[in-house]
Amino acid sequence: MASADTQLQSARLHIPHFDRVILAVIVVLIGLILLVISMGDRVGVIVHRVVPEGIARSTSPIIIEFSEPMNRESVAARFSTAPNMDGDITWNGSTFIFKPVEAIAPGENVSVLLEKGASSASGRELLHNISFDFTVRTPHVAYLFPANDAPSNIWVADPNNPESAQQLTFSPSGIYDFSVSPDGSMIAFSENNSETGTQDLKLLDLETGGLEQITNCVDSACTNPVWRPDGQMIAYERVELNSDMAQQGVGISPTRVWTLDLSRRPVETRPLFSDLQRLGHSPQWSADGSRIAVYDSAMGAILLYDFTDGSLEAVPSRAGSSGALSPDGTALLYPEIVLTEGAMTHSYLRMVILDDNQVIPITDPPQSTDDARAAWRPDGQQIAVSRRDESLIRGYQIYLLDPENFDARMITDDPRYTNMFFLWDPTGQSLVIHRFPELDENMQPNMNGLPEIWTLNTLTGELIQVAQNAWMPRWLP
């Protein structure tokens, strides 16, 4: 009788060839797994992607994408920039995001360093320094063109090279209005539907060219998208057309403000106020996104809604404007209407301190003067104001006001033009202006005038014409 060893040896010799191959593969895989585990500490954490490199926008975040979840404190402790910048750090899974508190000056070269030693949640370390550089470009200007014909589409140009203008949208029915995301990577726009007479909101990704519809306004006009400063929410105006109830005498609804939560997919939309008796238009956010201001024409007041505690404050005003919130959200500039002799109306500026409702008259102009639009510089150190003083010059000109004492300095003085709309660039150095030539070169009324887009460097006084027959300018950082 064969021994047990002899029987075992015989069994081994009779293992089928296919099974022996499978067994060998398993042994090899186990060996590779053990090798990877043993080499793990020597390979270390891998960085998959860094952004930006080369050319960047003045509001571009700095992004570092890791191969695995990280010990966040260890990354923050080893991250630095030159020049040094203050900023806020957030995470999206294994991706580190640094957003500078202030926009970076055009032309600035920034070096980013992440020192070795940053560790993952599992304890592996970054074995080598990660460094990269980028240079900040001059903010570009986006606008609608043409102004005198349809369809209007969005174009963009470098103010230093207006001939570089490029068309961004190609809508056959035209763009109604638009706005640029705070980081300059996306544009939200309202597109006309020529067949239904409605407007829907869409997102254009400037990095990929991708297009996404974010509202479904079947019988509504959804317009005027306004980004929250963190880029995660949009406030917009919505009007219900009530087409199916027109024969019953139900007309178009008044304007209300709705919000879009972009942090969710599909995007969620709802009215700003649960009480639908609350109306509103012209939404604007505070710099920290905690407050929003809208104008309620039914109340004749500016409504300020605080998201942190749900409180609602009303500032009486007859001007129909939601005003201008200060960058820190503590003060509101707004125009007020005054009646003068002969039933003439003039506007002047007020400022309300929101913590104690103190109202401060900024200007109390004579009958020949109007103060209209106001815009805070991003750092809150100056206020740009459109003012018409017919005793000095025709049309609205732009003045810079000191928010401490309200001293004013005129920075445009061309009698041919009225300056209808303007915005500060993210760095607080330049204004983009929608100007209209009221007078021709002979100082006569300009019957064939078309709107123009200009930029004004408030430090040097340099004016650059960016586009003709164009309107609704927006900065593209």
Protein backbone atom coordinates (compact mmCIF):
# COMPACT_ATOMS: atom_id res chain seq x y z
CA MET A 1 0.00 0.00 0.00
CA ALA A 2 1.46 3.35 -1.04
CA SER A 3 2.44 5.71 1.69
CA ALA A 4 0.57 9.03 2.28
CA ASP A 5 3.54 11.02 0.89
CA THR A 6 3.51 8.96 -2.28
CA GLN A 7 -0.23 9.55 -2.72
CA LEU A 8 0.15 13.34 -2.19
CA GLN A 9 2.97 13.49 -4.71
CA SER A 10 0.87 11.62 -7.21
CA ALA A 11 -2.04 14.05 -6.69
CA ARG A 12 0.27 16.96 -7.37
CA LEU A 13 1.54 15.42 -10.54
CA HIS A 14 -1.98 15.07 -11.80
CA ILE A 15 -3.06 18.76 -11.37
CA PRO A 16 -4.52 19.79 -14.75
CA HIS A 17 -2.40 22.18 -16.85
CA PHE A 18 -5.10 24.92 -16.89
CA ASP A 19 -5.35 24.87 -13.09
CA ARG A 20 -1.58 25.14 -12.79
CA VAL A 21 -1.64 28.26 -15.04
CA ILE A 22 -4.40 29.89 -12.96
CA LEU A 23 -2.47 29.06 -9.78
CA ALA A 24 0.66 30.63 -11.20
CA VAL A 25 -1.21 33.81 -12.16
CA ILE A 26 -2.65 34.08 -8.65
CA VAL A 27 0.82 33.66 -7.14
CA VAL A 28 2.18 36.39 -9.41
CA LEU A 29 -0.68 38.78 -8.55
CA ILE A 30 -0.19 38.21 -4.85
CA GLY A 31 3.49 38.92 -5.32
CA LEU A 32 2.74 42.15 -7.17
CA ILE A 33 0.31 43.27 -4.48
CA LEU A 34 2.89 42.59 -1.80
CA LEU A 35 5.47 44.47 -3.85
CA VAL A 36 3.20 47.50 -4.25
CA ILE A 37 2.48 47.46 -0.52
CA SER A 38 6.16 47.19 0.31
CA MET A 39 7.02 49.97 -2.16
CA GLY A 40 4.13 52.24 -1.11
CA ASP A 41 6.13 54.37 1.26
CA ARG A 42 8.89 54.73 -1.31
CA VAL A 43 6.45 55.88 -4.05
CA GLY A 44 4.63 58.32 -1.79
CA VAL A 45 1.60 60.47 -2.50
CA ILE A 46 1.11 61.39 -6.16
CA VAL A 47 -0.06 64.81 -7.40
CA HIS A 48 -2.28 64.31 -10.45
CA ARG A 49 -2.89 67.95 -11.44
CA VAL A 50 -1.97 71.54 -10.58
CA VAL A 51 -3.85 74.65 -11.77
CA PRO A 52 -3.14 77.26 -13.04
CA GLU A 53 0.05 77.04 -15.05
CA GLY A 54 1.28 79.54 -17.62
CA ILE A 55 -1.38 82.26 -17.93
CA ALA A 56 -4.04 82.76 -15.25
CA ARG A 57 -6.92 85.09 -14.45
CA SER A 58 -6.75 87.61 -11.64
CA THR A 59 -9.35 85.59 -9.71
CA SER A 60 -8.11 82.09 -10.57
CA PRO A 61 -8.02 79.68 -7.60
CA ILE A 62 -4.89 77.58 -7.03
CA ILE A 63 -5.76 73.88 -7.27
CA ILE A 64 -3.72 70.80 -6.35
CA GLU A 65 -5.28 67.39 -6.98
CA PHE A 66 -3.86 64.44 -5.01
CA SER A 67 -4.05 60.72 -5.69
CA GLU A 68 -5.71 60.00 -2.35
CA PRO A 69 -7.39 61.72 0.64
CA MET A 70 -4.95 63.92 2.50
CA ASN A 71 -4.20 65.07 6.01
CA ARG A 72 -5.45 68.58 5.34
CA GLU A 73 -3.52 70.32 8.10
CA SER A 74 -0.25 68.87 6.81
CA VAL A 75 -0.94 70.25 3.32
CA ALA A 76 -1.91 73.73 4.54
CA ALA A 77 1.24 73.89 6.70
CA ARG A 78 3.49 73.24 3.68
CA PHE A 79 1.69 75.42 1.10
CA SER A 80 3.04 78.86 0.20
CA THR A 81 3.05 81.44 -2.61
CA ALA A 82 5.51 84.09 -3.69
CA PRO A 83 4.52 86.84 -3.37
CA ASN A 84 2.75 85.82 -0.20
CA MET A 85 -1.05 86.00 -0.49
CA ASP A 86 -3.86 85.72 2.02
CA GLY A 87 -6.56 83.30 0.99
CA ASP A 88 -9.18 80.75 1.96
CA ILE A 89 -8.53 77.01 1.75
CA THR A 90 -11.28 74.56 0.85
CA TRP A 91 -11.29 70.90 -0.22
CA ASN A 92 -13.27 68.91 -2.74
CA GLY A 93 -12.50 65.32 -1.88
CA SER A 94 -8.76 64.88 -2.56
CA THR A 95 -8.46 68.28 -4.26
CA PHE A 96 -6.94 71.26 -2.43
CA ILE A 97 -8.34 74.70 -3.43
CA PHE A 98 -6.80 78.04 -2.42
CA LYS A 99 -8.76 81.22 -3.26
CA PRO A 100 -6.86 84.50 -2.79
CA VAL A 101 -8.79 87.04 -0.72
CA GLU A 102 -7.91 89.81 -3.18
CA ALA A 103 -7.66 89.65 -6.95
CA ILE A 104 -4.08 89.32 -8.19
CA ALA A 105 -2.69 92.31 -10.06
CA PRO A 106 -2.34 91.95 -13.85
CA GLY A 107 1.20 91.10 -14.90
CA GLU A 108 2.06 89.56 -11.52
CA ASN A 109 4.15 86.38 -11.64
CA VAL A 110 3.19 83.96 -8.89
CA SER A 111 5.23 80.98 -7.72
CA VAL A 112 3.49 78.18 -5.82
CA LEU A 113 5.30 75.73 -3.56
CA LEU A 114 4.06 72.64 -1.73
CA GLU A 115 6.91 71.25 0.34
CA LYS A 116 7.51 67.54 0.69
CA GLY A 117 6.29 65.87 3.84
CA ALA A 118 2.58 66.54 3.41
CA SER A 119 0.89 63.29 4.40
CA SER A 120 -2.16 61.38 3.27
CA ALA A 121 -4.91 60.12 5.56
CA SER A 122 -3.23 56.67 5.43
CA GLY A 123 0.14 58.11 6.48
CA ARG A 124 1.99 58.12 3.16
CA GLU A 125 3.97 61.27 2.43
CA LEU A 126 4.68 63.55 -0.47
CA LEU A 127 8.32 62.69 -1.18
CA HIS A 128 9.25 65.65 -3.39
CA ASN A 129 8.51 69.38 -3.49
CA ILE A 130 5.78 70.44 -5.94
CA SER A 131 6.33 73.85 -7.53
CA PHE A 132 4.78 75.72 -10.46
CA ASP A 133 4.38 79.27 -11.75
CA PHE A 134 1.81 81.39 -13.51
CA THR A 135 1.44 84.96 -14.76
CA VAL A 136 -1.78 86.94 -14.37
CA ARG A 137 -3.27 88.33 -17.58
CA THR A 138 -5.05 91.66 -17.98
CA PRO A 139 -8.79 91.24 -17.32
CA HIS A 140 -10.76 91.00 -20.56
CA VAL A 141 -14.13 92.56 -21.36
CA ALA A 142 -17.24 90.66 -22.45
CA TYR A 143 -20.18 92.46 -24.06
CA LEU A 144 -23.21 92.05 -26.32
CA PHE A 145 -22.87 92.84 -30.03
CA PRO A 146 -24.43 94.24 -32.14
CA ALA A 147 -26.62 96.76 -30.33
CA ASN A 148 -28.60 97.90 -33.39
CA ASP A 149 -29.52 94.53 -34.84
CA ALA A 150 -30.55 91.00 -33.91
CA PRO A 151 -29.39 88.57 -32.83
CA SER A 152 -27.01 89.94 -30.20
CA ASN A 153 -24.34 87.52 -28.99
CA ILE A 154 -21.59 87.59 -26.39
CA TRP A 155 -18.16 88.73 -27.51
CA VAL A 156 -14.92 89.13 -25.57
CA ALA A 157 -11.86 91.32 -26.17
CA ASP A 158 -8.57 92.23 -24.52
CA PRO A 159 -8.73 95.99 -23.77
CA ASN A 160 -5.06 96.27 -24.70
CA ASN A 161 -5.83 94.72 -28.08
CA PRO A 162 -9.46 95.48 -29.08
CA GLU A 163 -8.86 93.86 -32.48
CA SER A 164 -8.60 90.53 -30.65
CA ALA A 165 -12.40 90.40 -30.16
CA GLN A 166 -13.87 86.90 -30.42
CA GLN A 167 -17.46 85.69 -30.48
CA LEU A 168 -18.34 83.34 -27.60
CA THR A 169 -21.99 82.48 -28.28
CA PHE A 170 -23.73 81.79 -31.57
CA SER A 171 -27.39 81.92 -30.63
CA PRO A 172 -29.70 82.33 -33.64
CA SER A 173 -32.34 83.95 -31.41
CA GLY A 174 -29.93 86.14 -29.44
CA ILE A 175 -28.72 86.66 -25.88
CA TYR A 176 -30.93 88.78 -23.61
CA ASP A 177 -28.39 89.39 -20.82
CA PHE A 178 -25.50 87.65 -19.05
CA SER A 179 -22.99 87.71 -16.21
CA VAL A 180 -19.54 86.22 -15.56
CA SER A 181 -18.76 83.87 -12.66
CA PRO A 182 -16.53 85.32 -9.92
CA ASP A 183 -13.54 83.18 -10.96
CA GLY A 184 -14.05 84.00 -14.65
CA SER A 185 -14.43 80.37 -15.73
CA MET A 186 -18.14 80.44 -16.66
CA ILE A 187 -20.78 82.72 -18.13
CA ALA A 188 -24.46 82.51 -17.19
CA PHE A 189 -26.71 83.97 -19.86
CA SER A 190 -30.37 84.35 -20.68
CA GLU A 191 -31.20 83.23 -24.21
CA ASN A 192 -34.25 84.36 -26.16
CA ASN A 193 -36.68 81.81 -27.57
CA SER A 194 -38.11 83.55 -30.63
CA GLU A 195 -40.90 80.98 -31.02
CA THR A 196 -42.36 81.19 -27.50
CA GLY A 197 -41.25 84.65 -26.42
CA THR A 198 -39.58 83.19 -23.32
CA GLN A 199 -36.03 83.22 -21.97
CA ASP A 200 -34.05 80.42 -20.34
CA LEU A 201 -30.79 80.52 -18.41
CA LYS A 202 -27.76 78.58 -19.62
CA LEU A 203 -24.18 78.09 -18.45
CA LEU A 204 -21.19 78.35 -20.78
CA ASP A 205 -17.99 76.72 -19.50
CA LEU A 206 -15.15 78.84 -20.89
CA GLU A 207 -12.60 76.12 -20.17
CA THR A 208 -14.31 73.31 -22.07
CA GLY A 209 -16.89 75.09 -24.24
CA GLY A 210 -19.60 72.98 -22.61
CA LEU A 211 -23.15 74.36 -22.54
CA GLU A 212 -25.77 73.50 -19.89
CA GLN A 213 -29.36 74.70 -19.59
CA ILE A 214 -30.10 75.41 -15.92
CA THR A 215 -33.73 76.58 -16.01
CA ASN A 216 -36.85 75.21 -17.68
CA CYS A 217 -38.90 78.38 -18.16
CA VAL A 218 -41.63 76.92 -20.38
CA ASP A 219 -44.02 79.87 -19.98
CA SER A 220 -41.71 82.29 -18.18
CA ALA A 221 -39.02 84.85 -18.80
CA CYS A 222 -35.94 83.99 -16.73
CA THR A 223 -33.36 86.76 -16.95
CA ASN A 224 -30.66 88.80 -15.19
CA PRO A 225 -28.49 86.07 -13.60
CA VAL A 226 -26.36 87.39 -10.73
CA TRP A 227 -23.65 85.17 -9.23
CA ARG A 228 -23.11 84.79 -5.51
CA PRO A 229 -19.44 85.62 -4.80
CA ASP A 230 -18.56 81.98 -4.09
CA GLY A 231 -19.91 80.93 -7.50
CA GLN A 232 -22.23 78.28 -5.99
CA MET A 233 -25.54 80.11 -6.39
CA ILE A 234 -27.22 82.43 -8.90
CA ALA A 235 -30.08 84.84 -8.22
CA TYR A 236 -32.22 85.70 -11.22
CA GLU A 237 -35.46 87.45 -12.21
CA ARG A 238 -38.50 85.43 -13.22
CA VAL A 239 -41.76 86.60 -14.81
CA GLU A 240 -44.66 84.18 -15.36
CA LEU A 241 -46.30 84.86 -18.75
CA ASN A 242 -49.53 82.98 -17.89
CA SER A 243 -50.24 82.40 -21.58
CA ASP A 244 -52.78 79.63 -20.93
CA MET A 245 -54.85 81.97 -18.72
CA ALA A 246 -54.80 85.05 -20.94
CA GLN A 247 -58.39 84.47 -22.09
CA GLN A 248 -59.47 84.47 -18.44
CA GLY A 249 -58.05 87.93 -17.96
CA VAL A 250 -54.92 86.79 -16.13
CA GLY A 251 -52.00 88.89 -17.25
CA ILE A 252 -48.24 88.65 -16.92
CA SER A 253 -47.04 88.32 -13.34
CA PRO A 254 -44.85 90.91 -11.63
CA THR A 255 -41.12 90.20 -11.40
CA ARG A 256 -39.86 87.99 -8.60
CA VAL A 257 -36.35 86.87 -7.66
CA TRP A 258 -35.51 83.16 -7.71
CA THR A 259 -32.29 81.33 -6.85
CA LEU A 260 -30.37 78.49 -8.50
CA ASP A 261 -28.25 76.17 -6.33
CA LEU A 262 -25.35 75.14 -8.57
CA SER A 263 -23.83 72.86 -5.94
CA ARG A 264 -26.56 70.30 -6.69
CA ARG A 265 -27.18 68.25 -9.81
CA PRO A 266 -29.70 68.57 -11.22
CA VAL A 267 -29.60 72.27 -10.37
CA GLU A 268 -32.27 73.23 -7.86
CA THR A 269 -34.31 76.44 -8.28
CA ARG A 270 -36.82 78.09 -5.95
CA PRO A 271 -38.21 81.56 -5.16
CA LEU A 272 -36.03 83.72 -2.93
CA PHE A 273 -39.03 84.43 -0.70
CA SER A 274 -41.49 81.70 0.27
CA ASP A 275 -44.13 84.44 0.53
CA LEU A 276 -45.03 84.99 -3.13
CA GLN A 277 -46.49 88.39 -2.24
CA ARG A 278 -42.91 89.55 -1.91
CA LEU A 279 -41.80 90.94 -5.23
CA GLY A 280 -38.32 91.95 -6.32
CA HIS A 281 -35.92 92.74 -9.11
CA SER A 282 -32.28 93.83 -9.57
CA PRO A 283 -30.72 91.34 -7.11
CA GLN A 284 -27.23 91.93 -5.76
CA TRP A 285 -25.14 90.02 -3.22
CA SER A 286 -22.92 91.18 -0.41
CA ALA A 287 -19.26 90.24 -0.87
CA ASP A 288 -19.50 87.38 1.64
CA GLY A 289 -22.75 86.09 0.13
CA SER A 290 -24.64 86.35 3.42
CA ARG A 291 -27.00 89.11 2.26
CA ILE A 292 -28.95 89.87 -0.88
CA ALA A 293 -30.67 93.13 -1.84
CA VAL A 294 -33.63 93.41 -4.23
CA TYR A 295 -36.05 96.20 -5.06
CA ASP A 296 -39.74 95.60 -4.32
CA SER A 297 -41.78 98.00 -6.44
CA ALA A 298 -45.01 97.13 -4.61
CA MET A 299 -43.53 98.25 -1.30
CA GLY A 300 -41.46 101.06 -2.76
CA ALA A 301 -38.45 99.78 -0.85
CA ILE A 302 -35.15 97.95 -1.07
CA LEU A 303 -35.41 94.58 0.68
CA LEU A 304 -32.31 93.15 2.35
CA TYR A 305 -32.51 89.47 3.17
CA ASP A 306 -29.98 87.92 5.57
CA PHE A 307 -29.38 84.21 4.89
CA THR A 308 -27.68 83.66 8.25
CA ASP A 309 -30.73 84.42 10.39
CA GLY A 310 -33.58 84.78 7.86
CA SER A 311 -34.19 88.42 8.78
CA LEU A 312 -35.63 90.88 6.27
CA GLU A 313 -35.05 94.63 6.34
CA ALA A 314 -36.79 97.26 4.21
CA VAL A 315 -35.16 100.55 3.15
CA PRO A 316 -37.80 102.95 1.70
CA SER A 317 -36.85 104.38 -1.69
CA ARG A 318 -38.74 105.67 -4.74
CA ALA A 319 -35.86 105.37 -7.21
CA GLY A 320 -36.53 101.76 -8.28
CA SER A 321 -32.93 100.65 -7.69
CA SER A 322 -31.55 98.06 -5.28
CA GLY A 323 -28.56 100.33 -4.70
CA ALA A 324 -25.02 99.18 -4.02
CA LEU A 325 -23.99 97.05 -1.04
CA SER A 326 -20.57 97.83 0.42
CA PRO A 327 -17.99 95.03 0.05
CA ASP A 328 -18.32 94.14 3.75
CA GLY A 329 -22.13 94.17 3.54
CA THR A 330 -22.57 96.70 6.35
CA ALA A 331 -23.73 99.69 4.29
CA LEU A 332 -26.02 100.32 1.34
CA LEU A 333 -25.73 103.20 -1.13
CA TYR A 334 -28.91 104.04 -3.01
CA PRO A 335 -30.39 106.89 -5.06
CA GLU A 336 -33.47 108.75 -3.86
CA ILE A 337 -35.85 110.91 -5.84
CA VAL A 338 -36.69 114.49 -4.90
CA LEU A 339 -39.37 116.67 -6.49
CA THR A 340 -38.44 120.26 -7.25
CA GLU A 341 -40.33 123.26 -8.55
CA GLY A 342 -42.20 122.67 -11.78
CA ALA A 343 -42.67 118.96 -10.94
CA MET A 344 -39.07 118.25 -11.97
CA THR A 345 -37.40 115.20 -10.43
CA HIS A 346 -33.78 114.89 -9.38
CA SER A 347 -31.90 112.11 -7.65
CA TYR A 348 -29.36 112.18 -4.89
CA LEU A 349 -27.41 109.53 -2.99
CA ARG A 350 -27.99 108.24 0.51
CA MET A 351 -26.12 105.66 2.57
CA VAL A 352 -27.75 103.54 5.24
CA ILE A 353 -25.65 101.83 7.91
CA LEU A 354 -27.43 98.51 8.22
CA ASP A 355 -26.50 97.67 11.81
CA ASP A 356 -28.33 100.69 13.27
CA ASN A 357 -30.38 101.92 10.26
CA GLN A 358 -28.58 105.26 10.34
CA VAL A 359 -29.25 107.14 7.08
CA ILE A 360 -26.53 109.50 5.84
CA PRO A 361 -27.21 111.94 2.96
CA ILE A 362 -24.16 111.77 0.70
CA THR A 363 -25.19 114.40 -1.81
CA ASP A 364 -27.90 117.04 -1.78
CA PRO A 365 -27.51 118.40 -5.26
CA PRO A 366 -28.99 121.63 -6.65
CA GLN A 367 -31.71 121.40 -9.28
CA SER A 368 -29.19 121.12 -12.09
CA THR A 369 -27.52 118.03 -10.63
CA ASP A 370 -28.43 114.35 -10.51
CA ASP A 371 -26.56 111.49 -8.84
CA ALA A 372 -27.57 108.08 -10.15
CA ARG A 373 -25.58 104.83 -10.27
CA ALA A 374 -22.95 104.06 -7.62
CA ALA A 375 -20.42 101.20 -7.45
CA TRP A 376 -18.00 100.41 -4.61
CA ARG A 377 -14.39 99.64 -5.42
CA PRO A 378 -13.72 96.02 -4.34
CA ASP A 379 -11.64 97.14 -1.34
CA GLY A 380 -14.30 99.65 -0.25
CA GLN A 381 -11.87 102.59 -0.39
CA GLN A 382 -13.63 104.50 -3.19
CA ILE A 383 -17.07 104.80 -4.76
CA ALA A 384 -17.63 105.46 -8.47
CA VAL A 385 -20.72 107.60 -9.08
CA SER A 386 -22.46 108.80 -12.23
CA ARG A 387 -23.35 112.48 -11.84
CA ARG A 388 -24.96 114.96 -14.17
CA ASP A 389 -24.25 118.62 -13.45
CA GLU A 390 -25.77 120.63 -16.25
CA SER A 391 -24.13 123.82 -14.99
CA LEU A 392 -20.74 122.30 -15.85
CA ILE A 393 -21.10 119.66 -18.53
CA ARG A 394 -23.84 117.82 -20.40
CA GLY A 395 -24.56 114.14 -19.72
CA TYR A 396 -23.64 111.85 -16.85
CA GLN A 397 -19.96 111.85 -15.98
CA ILE A 398 -18.12 109.60 -13.52
CA TYR A 399 -16.82 110.86 -10.20
CA LEU A 400 -14.82 109.11 -7.50
CA LEU A 401 -16.10 109.62 -3.95
CA ASP A 402 -14.21 109.14 -0.71
CA PRO A 403 -16.50 107.03 1.54
CA GLU A 404 -15.15 108.77 4.63
CA ASN A 405 -15.92 112.40 3.76
CA PHE A 406 -17.68 112.02 0.36
CA ASP A 407 -15.30 114.42 -1.39
CA ALA A 408 -15.74 113.95 -5.15
CA ARG A 409 -13.29 114.05 -8.06
CA MET A 410 -14.43 114.01 -11.70
CA ILE A 411 -12.61 111.37 -13.77
CA THR A 412 -14.48 111.72 -17.10
CA ASP A 413 -15.13 115.11 -18.66
CA ASP A 414 -15.95 114.56 -22.33
CA PRO A 415 -19.10 116.64 -23.05
CA ARG A 416 -19.97 114.46 -26.05
CA TYR A 417 -20.57 111.35 -23.96
CA THR A 418 -22.91 110.27 -21.23
CA ASN A 419 -21.66 107.35 -19.11
CA MET A 420 -24.64 105.09 -18.59
CA PHE A 421 -23.25 102.02 -16.79
CA PHE A 422 -19.90 100.97 -15.27
CA LEU A 423 -18.26 98.21 -13.25
CA TRP A 424 -14.97 97.92 -11.34
CA ASP A 425 -12.53 95.23 -12.40
CA PRO A 426 -11.63 92.66 -9.68
CA THR A 427 -8.36 94.49 -8.87
CA GLY A 428 -10.08 97.84 -8.30
CA GLN A 429 -7.86 99.60 -10.81
CA SER A 430 -10.08 100.07 -13.86
CA LEU A 431 -13.72 100.65 -14.80
CA VAL A 432 -15.48 99.21 -17.83
CA ILE A 433 -18.05 101.72 -19.09
CA HIS A 434 -21.10 101.66 -21.36
CA ARG A 435 -20.93 105.11 -23.01
CA PHE A 436 -23.28 106.80 -25.44
CA PRO A 437 -22.21 109.65 -27.77
CA GLU A 438 -25.03 112.16 -27.25
CA LEU A 439 -23.22 114.81 -29.30
CA ASP A 440 -21.28 114.54 -32.53
CA GLU A 441 -17.84 116.03 -33.22
CA ASN A 442 -19.50 119.39 -33.97
CA MET A 443 -21.18 119.29 -30.54
CA GLN A 444 -24.59 118.82 -32.14
CA PRO A 445 -27.16 116.20 -31.08
CA ASN A 446 -25.99 112.86 -32.45
CA MET A 447 -28.96 111.40 -34.31
CA ASN A 448 -27.04 108.30 -35.39
CA GLY A 449 -25.19 107.54 -32.18
CA LEU A 450 -24.53 103.95 -31.13
CA PRO A 451 -23.41 102.72 -27.70
CA GLU A 452 -19.72 102.06 -27.11
CA ILE A 453 -17.66 100.08 -24.61
CA TRP A 454 -14.62 101.73 -23.00
CA THR A 455 -12.23 100.99 -20.14
CA LEU A 456 -10.86 103.67 -17.83
CA ASN A 457 -7.74 103.21 -15.70
CA THR A 458 -8.62 105.23 -12.60
CA LEU A 459 -4.95 105.50 -11.62
CA THR A 460 -3.57 106.84 -14.89
CA GLY A 461 -6.72 108.25 -16.50
CA GLU A 462 -6.15 106.23 -19.68
CA LEU A 463 -9.34 105.64 -21.70
CA ILE A 464 -9.46 102.79 -24.25
CA GLN A 465 -12.32 102.15 -26.66
CA VAL A 466 -12.94 98.40 -26.68
CA ALA A 467 -15.97 98.12 -28.98
CA GLN A 468 -18.53 100.14 -30.95
CA ASN A 469 -22.19 99.29 -31.46
CA ALA A 470 -21.96 97.17 -28.30
CA TRP A 471 -23.57 97.17 -24.87
CA MET A 472 -23.87 95.45 -21.48
CA PRO A 473 -20.14 95.21 -20.65
CA ARG A 474 -18.87 92.76 -18.03
CA TRP A 475 -15.35 92.06 -16.80
CA LEU A 476 -13.92 88.65 -17.62
CA PRO A 477 -11.05 88.22 -15.10
